[in-house]
């Protein structure tokens, strides 16, 4: 084979493999692997090839695809055992096996010899600097490899690793998508069920509250019923609060946006919470960006979110804590960042993923719907919310809202 013919063979084989691996359509991994071993065999003028992948369950490398080699020989046993997981050398170099009878990487050397195999070459498959498999090429006679041949088989191995990694990511993303879709479907069903139950329960609760209130007014101050009726009223009111939370959660009310400055909403929220801060002796600090411009949002809904987050912060710091709130303008991203930070007890890592789920709460008297509703409001504003927390050090909640609509550059408020 002349150098020109050899180069064309390498180029065509590599191009075909690369085209399939990077196809925008869904790939069949088994077909890709079969293509890789066949093109490797043809490109190197070899007797055959096998592609092996390490299986964590068994600890062995098992054959996923082969070409040109008797299946009976390949089926004798896994090509390598647990001791081969650590690839020789730190740079994951190609392993050229010229003495198949004395190479510890070769199993059943006599059977291989009887098939006419005189030499083997192992090329590692690497992802994130970890060898997860290799391509073994079989030759009917010993030979020396040119740099072009080594470059070819290395390039094919890289494409192969890319294909497997791509396929694994698709599987992972599909699994995550399916889980998310199932969760969304459950939440949707929960919302519809919650709305129905809430409406059915709300009317009897109103009646209970009404009649107990009337009886409470008529009951003697020193009589045995006054305290009991007060408890009934308090518990009924608590039930109504939970029901209202369910209704808010299920409705996902569409924002009624107006042109407003987010700093104004923050100031109003803080004013409404001043009494709570004072009673709990909590230090507060506002750092509001005066450069923030007016933009379209539902100020009532965002105020509801801020009050809910501030209440959570108050609960976290208890007394004599510190709560900071900041706002920042990002003109490049056309968004506004709001951060609420406390020095409270923090949230365990295993609980962080659950805090936006309905009915999840760490409060003894909480409904577990406040953050779920707040999350829905932020999403309906096309915004995002992130939470960073560390036990014993506190929590940081970051809300990012896109500047929607026509911002009024001349109307800026601190």
Protein backbone atom coordinates (compact mmCIF):
# COMPACT_ATOMS: atom_id res chain seq x y z
CA UNK A 1 0.00 0.00 0.00
CA UNK A 2 1.59 3.30 -1.07
CA UNK A 3 1.72 6.23 1.32
CA UNK A 4 -0.91 8.13 -0.72
CA UNK A 5 -3.34 5.20 -0.80
CA UNK A 6 -2.75 4.60 2.91
CA UNK A 7 -3.43 8.27 3.69
CA UNK A 8 -6.65 8.25 1.65
CA UNK A 9 -7.76 5.07 3.44
CA UNK A 10 -7.12 6.65 6.84
CA UNK A 11 -8.85 9.88 5.84
CA UNK A 12 -11.98 8.20 4.47
CA UNK A 13 -12.28 5.86 7.46
CA UNK A 14 -11.80 8.64 9.97
CA UNK A 15 -14.19 10.95 8.13
CA UNK A 16 -16.90 8.28 8.08
CA UNK A 17 -16.50 7.58 11.80
CA UNK A 18 -16.42 11.27 12.68
CA UNK A 19 -19.50 12.01 10.58
CA UNK A 20 -21.55 9.36 12.39
CA UNK A 21 -20.28 10.31 15.86
CA UNK A 22 -21.09 14.01 15.43
CA UNK A 23 -24.37 13.49 13.62
CA UNK A 24 -27.14 15.80 14.88
CA UNK A 25 -29.64 12.95 14.65
CA UNK A 26 -29.93 10.27 17.33
CA UNK A 27 -27.11 7.74 16.98
CA UNK A 28 -27.26 3.98 17.48
CA UNK A 29 -24.22 3.39 19.68
CA UNK A 30 -23.94 -0.31 18.79
CA UNK A 31 -23.82 0.55 15.08
CA UNK A 32 -21.21 3.25 15.73
CA UNK A 33 -19.00 0.83 17.65
CA UNK A 34 -19.30 -1.78 14.88
CA UNK A 35 -18.31 0.88 12.35
CA UNK A 36 -15.30 1.86 14.46
CA UNK A 37 -13.88 -1.68 14.75
CA UNK A 38 -14.44 -2.37 11.05
CA UNK A 39 -12.80 0.88 9.92
CA UNK A 40 -9.91 0.33 12.34
CA UNK A 41 -9.34 -3.14 10.87
CA UNK A 42 -9.52 -1.92 7.27
CA UNK A 43 -7.45 1.21 7.92
CA UNK A 44 -4.60 -0.73 9.53
CA UNK A 45 -4.87 -3.70 7.16
CA UNK A 46 -5.37 -5.89 10.24
CA UNK A 47 -6.93 -9.32 10.72
CA UNK A 48 -9.68 -7.97 12.99
CA UNK A 49 -10.53 -5.82 16.00
CA UNK A 50 -12.57 -5.87 19.19
CA UNK A 51 -13.82 -2.99 21.31
CA UNK A 52 -13.92 -3.59 25.07
CA UNK A 53 -15.70 -1.58 27.76
CA UNK A 54 -15.11 -1.82 31.50
CA UNK A 55 -18.19 -2.87 33.49
CA UNK A 56 -18.11 -1.69 37.10
CA UNK A 57 -20.45 -4.45 38.27
CA UNK A 58 -18.16 -7.29 37.23
CA UNK A 59 -14.84 -5.45 37.32
CA UNK A 60 -13.96 -6.81 33.86
CA UNK A 61 -13.59 -5.45 30.35
CA UNK A 62 -16.22 -7.02 28.11
CA UNK A 63 -16.47 -6.95 24.31
CA UNK A 64 -19.08 -4.55 22.92
CA UNK A 65 -18.25 -4.86 19.23
CA UNK A 66 -15.93 -6.97 17.06
CA UNK A 67 -14.92 -7.44 13.43
CA UNK A 68 -13.02 -10.15 11.57
CA UNK A 69 -12.31 -12.41 14.57
CA UNK A 70 -13.98 -15.75 15.31
CA UNK A 71 -16.78 -15.18 17.84
CA UNK A 72 -15.97 -18.51 19.53
CA UNK A 73 -12.52 -17.23 20.43
CA UNK A 74 -13.84 -13.90 21.69
CA UNK A 75 -16.50 -15.67 23.79
CA UNK A 76 -13.98 -17.84 25.69
CA UNK A 77 -13.80 -15.34 28.60
CA UNK A 78 -13.46 -11.59 29.23
CA UNK A 79 -10.33 -10.27 27.54
CA UNK A 80 -8.95 -8.86 30.77
CA UNK A 81 -9.63 -9.01 34.51
CA UNK A 82 -9.70 -6.59 37.40
CA UNK A 83 -5.93 -6.21 37.44
CA UNK A 84 -6.04 -4.53 34.02
CA UNK A 85 -8.18 -1.59 35.11
CA UNK A 86 -5.07 0.51 35.79
CA UNK A 87 -3.69 1.20 32.33
CA UNK A 88 0.12 0.87 32.12
CA UNK A 89 1.86 4.23 32.23
CA UNK A 90 0.57 7.63 33.22
CA UNK A 91 0.04 8.95 29.70
CA UNK A 92 -2.30 6.16 28.55
CA UNK A 93 -0.01 5.10 25.72
CA UNK A 94 -0.82 2.47 23.08
CA UNK A 95 0.19 -1.06 24.18
CA UNK A 96 1.86 -3.06 21.37
CA UNK A 97 1.93 -6.81 22.12
CA UNK A 98 4.45 -8.70 19.98
CA UNK A 99 4.84 -11.81 22.19
CA UNK A 100 1.30 -13.03 22.73
CA UNK A 101 2.39 -16.10 24.73
CA UNK A 102 4.15 -14.10 27.45
CA UNK A 103 2.01 -10.96 27.58
CA UNK A 104 -0.11 -10.77 30.74
CA UNK A 105 -2.76 -8.84 28.80
CA UNK A 106 -3.44 -11.81 26.51
CA UNK A 107 -5.74 -14.64 27.54
CA UNK A 108 -5.92 -17.92 25.62
CA UNK A 109 -2.75 -17.25 23.59
CA UNK A 110 -2.72 -20.74 22.02
CA UNK A 111 -6.24 -20.29 20.64
CA UNK A 112 -5.20 -16.90 19.28
CA UNK A 113 -2.12 -18.44 17.64
CA UNK A 114 -4.25 -21.19 16.07
CA UNK A 115 -6.43 -18.47 14.52
CA UNK A 116 -3.34 -16.97 12.88
CA UNK A 117 -2.91 -14.04 15.29
CA UNK A 118 0.72 -13.04 15.76
CA UNK A 119 0.44 -9.56 17.19
CA UNK A 120 -2.05 -7.35 19.07
CA UNK A 121 -2.35 -3.62 19.66
CA UNK A 122 -4.42 -2.10 22.49
CA UNK A 123 -5.50 1.55 22.24
CA UNK A 124 -7.12 3.05 25.37
CA UNK A 125 -10.49 4.80 25.38
CA UNK A 126 -10.21 7.77 27.72
CA UNK A 127 -12.73 10.20 29.23
CA UNK A 128 -11.67 12.75 31.87
CA UNK A 129 -8.24 11.09 32.05
CA UNK A 130 -9.80 7.73 33.01
CA UNK A 131 -9.44 4.61 30.85
CA UNK A 132 -12.91 3.07 30.56
CA UNK A 133 -12.18 0.73 27.65
CA UNK A 134 -9.85 -0.08 24.76
CA UNK A 135 -9.77 -1.12 21.11
CA UNK A 136 -7.75 -4.31 20.50
CA UNK A 137 -6.54 -4.83 16.94
CA UNK A 138 -5.30 -8.26 15.80
CA UNK A 139 -2.60 -8.80 13.18
CA UNK A 140 -1.63 -11.94 11.28
CA UNK A 141 2.03 -10.89 11.24
CA UNK A 142 4.33 -8.65 13.21
CA UNK A 143 4.88 -5.18 11.83
CA UNK A 144 6.20 -1.75 12.66
CA UNK A 145 3.76 1.15 12.79
CA UNK A 146 4.28 4.46 11.10
CA UNK A 147 3.40 7.70 12.84
CA UNK A 148 0.42 8.07 10.48
CA UNK A 149 -0.95 4.69 11.53
CA UNK A 150 -0.56 5.50 15.21
CA UNK A 151 -2.18 8.91 14.71
CA UNK A 152 -5.06 7.25 12.84
CA UNK A 153 -5.85 4.70 15.54
CA UNK A 154 -5.49 7.34 18.28
CA UNK A 155 -7.89 9.64 16.43
CA UNK A 156 -10.41 6.82 15.95
CA UNK A 157 -10.17 5.95 19.66
CA UNK A 158 -10.81 9.58 20.58
CA UNK A 159 -13.90 9.63 18.33
CA UNK A 160 -15.06 6.39 19.90
CA UNK A 161 -14.70 7.79 23.43
CA UNK A 162 -16.57 10.89 22.31
CA UNK A 163 -19.44 8.76 20.93
CA UNK A 164 -19.76 6.71 24.12
CA UNK A 165 -19.57 9.81 26.31
CA UNK A 166 -22.17 11.55 24.12
CA UNK A 167 -24.46 8.54 24.36
CA UNK A 168 -24.06 8.35 28.15
CA UNK A 169 -24.91 12.03 28.46
CA UNK A 170 -28.02 11.58 26.30
CA UNK A 171 -29.11 8.68 28.51
CA UNK A 172 -28.46 10.74 31.63
CA UNK A 173 -30.35 13.75 30.26
CA UNK A 174 -33.23 11.53 29.11
CA UNK A 175 -33.44 9.97 32.57
CA UNK A 176 -33.42 13.39 34.20
CA UNK A 177 -36.03 14.66 31.75
CA UNK A 178 -38.29 11.67 32.42
CA UNK A 179 -37.98 12.16 36.17
CA UNK A 180 -38.71 15.88 35.78
CA UNK A 181 -41.68 15.20 33.51
CA UNK A 182 -43.08 12.72 36.04
CA UNK A 183 -42.56 15.22 38.85
CA UNK A 184 -44.25 18.01 36.87
CA UNK A 185 -47.16 15.75 36.06
CA UNK A 186 -47.54 14.86 39.74
CA UNK A 187 -47.36 18.51 40.76
CA UNK A 188 -49.94 19.40 38.12
CA UNK A 189 -52.25 16.67 39.43
CA UNK A 190 -51.57 17.84 42.97
CA UNK A 191 -52.47 21.40 41.99
CA UNK A 192 -55.77 20.37 40.44
CA UNK A 193 -56.58 18.13 43.40
CA UNK A 194 -55.56 20.83 45.89
CA UNK A 195 -57.82 23.39 44.22
CA UNK A 196 -60.79 21.04 44.36
CA UNK A 197 -60.20 20.04 47.98
CA UNK A 198 -59.55 23.63 49.01
CA UNK A 199 -62.86 24.86 47.59
CA UNK A 200 -64.75 21.98 49.23
CA UNK A 201 -63.17 22.60 52.65
CA UNK A 202 -63.13 26.39 52.59
CA UNK A 203 -66.90 26.85 52.97
CA UNK A 204 -67.31 24.56 56.04
CA UNK A 205 -64.26 26.24 57.64
CA UNK A 206 -65.85 29.66 57.11
CA UNK A 207 -68.97 28.40 58.83
CA UNK A 208 -67.01 26.95 61.75
CA UNK A 209 -65.09 30.21 62.17
CA UNK A 210 -68.27 32.29 61.98
CA UNK A 211 -70.24 30.28 64.54
CA UNK A 212 -67.30 29.85 66.91
CA UNK A 213 -66.66 33.62 66.76
CA UNK A 214 -70.29 34.33 67.64
CA UNK A 215 -70.20 31.83 70.52
CA UNK A 216 -66.88 33.30 71.69
CA UNK A 217 -68.47 36.78 71.92
CA UNK A 218 -71.42 35.43 73.92
CA UNK A 219 -69.42 33.12 76.19
CA UNK A 220 -68.81 34.18 79.78
CA UNK A 221 -65.32 35.42 80.52
CA UNK A 222 -65.05 33.10 83.48
CA UNK A 223 -66.94 30.21 81.88
CA UNK A 224 -65.43 26.89 80.75
CA UNK A 225 -66.01 27.48 77.02
CA UNK A 226 -64.09 30.70 76.39
CA UNK A 227 -60.63 29.11 76.14
CA UNK A 228 -61.88 26.16 74.08
CA UNK A 229 -63.64 28.42 71.57
CA UNK A 230 -60.50 30.52 71.23
CA UNK A 231 -58.49 27.40 70.36
CA UNK A 232 -61.15 26.38 67.81
CA UNK A 233 -60.97 29.83 66.20
CA UNK A 234 -57.16 29.81 66.06
CA UNK A 235 -56.95 26.31 64.59
CA UNK A 236 -59.72 27.04 62.09
CA UNK A 237 -57.91 30.19 61.00
CA UNK A 238 -54.72 28.17 60.60
CA UNK A 239 -56.58 25.71 58.39
CA UNK A 240 -57.92 28.57 56.28
CA UNK A 241 -54.38 29.91 55.89
CA UNK A 242 -53.22 26.50 54.64
CA UNK A 243 -56.20 26.29 52.27
CA UNK A 244 -55.42 29.76 50.91
CA UNK A 245 -51.84 28.62 50.33
CA UNK A 246 -53.12 25.60 48.41
CA UNK A 247 -55.28 27.86 46.26
CA UNK A 248 -52.37 30.23 45.58
CA UNK A 249 -50.17 27.25 44.70
CA UNK A 250 -52.71 25.71 42.32
CA UNK A 251 -53.81 28.89 40.55
CA UNK A 252 -50.38 30.06 39.31
CA UNK A 253 -51.87 33.50 38.81
CA UNK A 254 -50.55 35.31 35.76
CA UNK A 255 -48.51 38.40 36.69
CA UNK A 256 -50.21 41.77 36.19
CA UNK A 257 -47.12 43.73 35.23
CA UNK A 258 -46.65 47.45 35.63
CA UNK A 259 -43.69 49.77 35.18
CA UNK A 260 -42.03 49.88 38.61
CA UNK A 261 -38.64 50.13 40.31
CA UNK A 262 -37.64 47.01 42.21
CA UNK A 263 -35.98 49.14 44.92
CA UNK A 264 -39.39 50.64 45.68
CA UNK A 265 -40.83 47.14 46.13
CA UNK A 266 -37.93 46.19 48.42
CA UNK A 267 -38.40 49.34 50.53
CA UNK A 268 -42.12 48.64 50.90
CA UNK A 269 -41.48 45.02 51.89
CA UNK A 270 -38.96 46.12 54.49
CA UNK A 271 -41.40 48.70 55.89
CA UNK A 272 -44.06 46.02 56.32
CA UNK A 273 -41.56 43.79 58.16
CA UNK A 274 -40.09 46.51 60.41
CA UNK A 275 -42.17 45.49 63.41
CA UNK A 276 -40.96 41.87 63.12
CA UNK A 277 -37.35 43.01 62.89
CA UNK A 278 -37.81 45.20 65.96
CA UNK A 279 -39.53 42.54 68.07
CA UNK A 280 -36.84 39.94 67.30
CA UNK A 281 -34.03 42.53 67.71
CA UNK A 282 -32.70 41.71 64.26
CA UNK A 283 -30.14 43.95 62.58
CA UNK A 284 -30.93 44.79 58.97
CA UNK A 285 -28.95 46.37 56.18
CA UNK A 286 -30.07 47.49 52.73
CA UNK A 287 -27.64 47.98 49.87
CA UNK A 288 -29.78 49.03 46.93
CA UNK A 289 -28.27 49.97 43.58
CA UNK A 290 -29.45 53.51 42.68
CA UNK A 291 -28.76 52.80 38.99
CA UNK A 292 -31.63 50.31 38.73
CA UNK A 293 -34.19 51.37 36.14
CA UNK A 294 -37.93 50.82 36.11
CA UNK A 295 -39.17 47.73 34.29
CA UNK A 296 -42.27 45.57 33.94
CA UNK A 297 -43.20 43.29 36.85
CA UNK A 298 -46.11 42.47 39.14
CA UNK A 299 -45.13 44.49 42.20
CA UNK A 300 -47.71 42.80 44.45
CA UNK A 301 -46.47 39.31 43.59
CA UNK A 302 -42.79 40.25 43.96
CA UNK A 303 -43.61 41.92 47.28
CA UNK A 304 -45.26 38.64 48.36
CA UNK A 305 -42.06 36.78 47.44
CA UNK A 306 -39.81 39.20 49.33
CA UNK A 307 -41.98 39.14 52.46
CA UNK A 308 -42.04 35.35 52.41
CA UNK A 309 -38.24 35.18 52.07
CA UNK A 310 -37.75 37.78 54.80
CA UNK A 311 -40.07 35.79 57.11
CA UNK A 312 -37.98 32.69 56.43
CA UNK A 313 -34.82 34.65 57.20
CA UNK A 314 -36.33 35.90 60.47
CA UNK A 315 -37.23 32.33 61.40
CA UNK A 316 -33.67 31.19 60.56
CA UNK A 317 -31.84 33.83 62.64
CA UNK A 318 -34.35 33.79 65.51
CA UNK A 319 -33.23 36.72 67.70
CA UNK A 320 -30.32 39.14 67.46
CA UNK A 321 -29.48 37.96 63.97
CA UNK A 322 -28.46 39.88 60.87
CA UNK A 323 -30.39 40.12 57.59
CA UNK A 324 -28.98 41.92 54.54
CA UNK A 325 -30.74 42.69 51.28
CA UNK A 326 -28.98 43.88 48.14
CA UNK A 327 -30.02 44.87 44.62
CA UNK A 328 -27.77 45.13 41.59
CA UNK A 329 -28.23 46.13 37.97
CA UNK A 330 -26.59 44.16 35.16
CA UNK A 331 -27.09 46.09 31.92
CA UNK A 332 -25.09 43.56 29.86
CA UNK A 333 -27.40 40.71 30.83
CA UNK A 334 -30.36 43.08 31.05
CA UNK A 335 -31.34 41.78 34.44
CA UNK A 336 -31.65 42.77 38.10
CA UNK A 337 -30.21 40.71 40.95
CA UNK A 338 -31.81 40.70 44.42
CA UNK A 339 -29.98 38.98 47.27
CA UNK A 340 -31.32 38.24 50.75
CA UNK A 341 -28.68 36.97 53.16
CA UNK A 342 -28.94 35.91 56.80
CA UNK A 343 -26.54 34.52 59.38
CA UNK A 344 -29.01 31.91 60.65
CA UNK A 345 -28.64 28.18 61.20
CA UNK A 346 -28.51 27.36 57.47
CA UNK A 347 -29.98 24.50 55.46
CA UNK A 348 -28.44 20.99 55.23
CA UNK A 349 -27.24 20.05 51.73
CA UNK A 350 -29.61 17.11 51.50
CA UNK A 351 -32.57 19.44 52.19
CA UNK A 352 -31.66 22.18 49.68
CA UNK A 353 -33.24 20.31 46.75
CA UNK A 354 -36.51 19.90 48.63
CA UNK A 355 -37.20 23.41 49.86
CA UNK A 356 -39.20 24.42 46.76
CA UNK A 357 -41.38 21.32 46.96
CA UNK A 358 -44.94 21.89 48.20
CA UNK A 359 -45.63 21.00 51.85
CA UNK A 360 -41.92 20.78 52.70
CA UNK A 361 -41.15 22.95 55.73
CA UNK A 362 -38.79 23.11 58.69
CA UNK A 363 -41.19 25.29 60.70
CA UNK A 364 -43.40 23.74 63.35
CA UNK A 365 -46.39 25.82 62.20
CA UNK A 366 -45.52 26.24 58.51
CA UNK A 367 -47.64 25.07 55.59
CA UNK A 368 -44.68 24.32 53.35
CA UNK A 369 -46.26 26.26 50.47
CA UNK A 370 -44.61 29.69 50.79
CA UNK A 371 -41.45 28.87 48.85
CA UNK A 372 -43.37 26.80 46.28
CA UNK A 373 -45.62 29.78 45.55
CA UNK A 374 -42.63 32.16 45.51
CA UNK A 375 -40.77 29.87 43.10
CA UNK A 376 -43.80 29.85 40.79
CA UNK A 377 -44.01 33.66 40.86
CA UNK A 378 -40.33 34.06 39.96
CA UNK A 379 -40.70 31.53 37.11
CA UNK A 380 -43.76 33.38 35.81
CA UNK A 381 -41.55 36.48 35.63
CA UNK A 382 -39.02 34.46 33.57
CA UNK A 383 -36.62 34.80 36.47
CA UNK A 384 -34.42 32.38 38.40
CA UNK A 385 -33.81 31.78 42.09
CA UNK A 386 -30.74 30.15 43.63
CA UNK A 387 -30.02 29.26 47.23
CA UNK A 388 -26.59 28.90 48.81
CA UNK A 389 -26.52 27.72 52.39
CA UNK A 390 -24.12 26.34 54.97
CA UNK A 391 -25.04 24.92 58.35
CA UNK A 392 -24.19 27.28 61.17
CA UNK A 393 -23.25 30.14 58.82
CA UNK A 394 -26.47 31.17 57.12
CA UNK A 395 -28.26 31.32 53.81
CA UNK A 396 -28.05 33.45 50.67
CA UNK A 397 -31.03 33.60 48.30
CA UNK A 398 -30.36 35.18 44.90
CA UNK A 399 -33.25 36.19 42.63
CA UNK A 400 -32.48 37.21 39.06
CA UNK A 401 -35.24 39.03 37.18
CA UNK A 402 -34.94 39.94 33.49
CA UNK A 403 -35.67 43.54 32.59
CA UNK A 404 -38.88 43.06 30.63
CA UNK A 405 -40.62 45.77 28.66
CA UNK A 406 -39.33 49.28 28.06
CA UNK A 407 -37.08 50.40 30.91
CA UNK A 408 -37.45 54.04 31.86
CA UNK A 409 -33.91 55.35 31.98
CA UNK A 410 -35.04 58.75 33.28
CA UNK A 411 -37.04 57.35 36.17
CA UNK A 412 -34.55 55.96 38.62
CA UNK A 413 -35.26 55.52 42.29
CA UNK A 414 -32.99 54.52 45.12
